[in-house]
Amino acid sequence: QTQLVESGGGWVQPGGSLRLSCAASGFTLHTALIGWFRQAPGKDREGVATMKGGGSRNYIDSVKDRFTISRDNAKKTVSLQMNSLKPEDTAVYYCYGKESGVEYWGQGTQVTVSS
């Protein structure tokens, strides 16, 4: 069964760090497009970071140099290391995967950045 399950969200103070993980069962990560999206209250869902099968990464400008997407092909996990977190990073974060033209989404995990 192909599915994505996130973990690792929570509350952190501004300037802190969190690491999100996504268990990507049923995926072949070295050929799939994977990524992390987020949706803040009252805003559209936006792509935060993506990684192609070949390993190239893309980030939105607001998280460059703070967030890092990575994957472990053998463990079938996708991670998002988030450093120097800001209140505007508060959102529900979703793991995303696309393989053979089919898109998959995780259930989402809440990240709250506040003092």
Protein backbone atom coordinates (compact mmCIF):
# COMPACT_ATOMS: atom_id res chain seq x y z
CA GLN A 1 0.00 0.00 0.00
CA THR A 2 1.35 3.40 -0.97
CA GLN A 3 1.00 5.96 1.78
CA LEU A 4 2.76 8.81 3.53
CA VAL A 5 2.73 9.26 7.29
CA GLU A 6 4.28 12.32 8.92
CA SER A 7 5.68 12.72 12.41
CA GLY A 8 7.76 15.20 14.34
CA GLY A 9 5.61 18.30 14.50
CA GLY A 10 5.06 20.28 17.66
CA TRP A 11 5.64 23.57 19.38
CA VAL A 12 8.94 25.44 19.37
CA GLN A 13 10.10 28.92 20.28
CA PRO A 14 11.32 31.31 17.59
CA GLY A 15 14.88 30.48 16.61
CA GLY A 16 14.42 26.83 17.49
CA SER A 17 14.58 23.71 15.35
CA LEU A 18 12.32 20.82 14.47
CA ARG A 19 12.77 17.79 12.28
CA LEU A 20 9.81 16.36 10.41
CA SER A 21 9.85 12.81 9.14
CA CYS A 22 7.67 11.05 6.61
CA ALA A 23 7.40 7.29 6.27
CA ALA A 24 6.90 6.71 2.55
CA SER A 25 5.74 3.11 2.26
CA GLY A 26 5.25 1.78 -1.24
CA PHE A 27 7.46 4.46 -2.84
CA THR A 28 10.65 4.09 -4.81
CA LEU A 29 12.22 7.27 -3.52
CA HIS A 30 15.12 7.48 -5.98
CA THR A 31 12.65 7.82 -8.83
CA ALA A 32 9.77 9.68 -7.18
CA LEU A 33 9.21 13.38 -6.72
CA ILE A 34 8.87 14.07 -3.00
CA GLY A 35 8.32 17.20 -1.02
CA TRP A 36 6.91 19.12 1.88
CA PHE A 37 4.01 21.54 1.68
CA ARG A 38 2.44 23.66 4.37
CA GLN A 39 -0.82 25.42 4.96
CA ALA A 40 -1.27 28.22 7.46
CA PRO A 41 -4.73 29.27 8.71
CA GLY A 42 -6.53 31.30 6.06
CA LYS A 43 -3.83 30.74 3.46
CA ASP A 44 -3.38 28.48 0.46
CA ARG A 45 -1.22 25.39 0.67
CA GLU A 46 2.30 26.15 -0.56
CA GLY A 47 5.22 24.02 -1.56
CA VAL A 48 8.11 24.44 0.86
CA ALA A 49 10.73 22.03 -0.45
CA THR A 50 10.87 19.40 -3.16
CA MET A 51 13.36 16.77 -4.17
CA LYS A 52 13.46 14.98 -7.50
CA GLY A 53 14.49 11.40 -7.98
CA GLY A 54 17.90 12.47 -9.23
CA GLY A 55 18.49 14.36 -5.99
CA SER A 56 18.02 17.98 -7.03
CA ARG A 57 16.31 20.13 -4.40
CA ASN A 58 14.20 23.25 -4.56
CA TYR A 59 13.04 25.55 -1.78
CA ILE A 60 10.80 28.55 -1.55
CA ASP A 61 12.76 31.72 -0.85
CA SER A 62 11.40 32.17 2.66
CA VAL A 63 12.98 28.91 3.90
CA LYS A 64 16.24 28.83 1.93
CA ASP A 65 19.28 28.40 4.17
CA ARG A 66 17.00 27.38 7.06
CA PHE A 67 15.25 24.20 5.88
CA THR A 68 16.79 21.07 4.38
CA ILE A 69 14.93 18.25 2.69
CA SER A 70 16.52 14.81 2.61
CA ARG A 71 15.62 11.21 2.04
CA ASP A 72 16.79 7.75 3.00
CA ASN A 73 16.07 5.42 0.10
CA ALA A 74 16.68 2.26 2.10
CA LYS A 75 14.50 3.28 5.04
CA LYS A 76 11.93 4.90 2.75
CA THR A 77 11.82 8.08 4.77
CA VAL A 78 11.73 11.73 3.83
CA SER A 79 12.80 14.39 6.29
CA LEU A 80 12.61 18.13 6.64
CA GLN A 81 15.13 19.71 8.99
CA MET A 82 13.88 23.13 10.02
CA ASN A 83 16.24 25.56 11.73
CA SER A 84 15.92 29.19 12.83
CA LEU A 85 12.17 28.81 12.90
CA LYS A 86 9.99 31.91 12.75
CA PRO A 87 6.39 32.51 13.80
CA GLU A 88 5.44 32.75 10.13
CA ASP A 89 6.53 29.12 9.71
CA THR A 90 3.53 28.08 11.79
CA ALA A 91 1.35 25.80 9.68
CA VAL A 92 0.25 22.25 9.09
CA TYR A 93 3.02 20.53 7.16
CA TYR A 94 2.21 17.82 4.63
CA CYS A 95 4.44 15.23 3.07
CA TYR A 96 3.90 14.88 -0.67
CA GLY A 97 4.90 12.25 -3.17
CA LYS A 98 4.33 11.73 -6.88
CA GLU A 99 5.12 8.51 -8.63
CA SER A 100 3.94 7.17 -11.98
CA GLY A 101 1.75 10.24 -12.35
CA VAL A 102 -0.15 9.63 -9.12
CA GLU A 103 -0.01 12.11 -6.24
CA TYR A 104 -0.08 11.16 -2.59
CA TRP A 105 -0.44 13.25 0.55
CA GLY A 106 0.16 12.59 4.18
CA GLN A 107 -2.35 13.53 6.84
CA GLY A 108 -0.34 16.55 8.01
CA THR A 109 1.47 17.50 11.18
CA GLN A 110 1.12 20.77 13.06
CA VAL A 111 4.13 23.02 13.57
CA THR A 112 3.66 25.98 15.89
CA VAL A 113 6.37 28.60 16.39
CA SER A 114 5.64 31.04 19.19
CA SER A 115 7.05 32.43 22.39
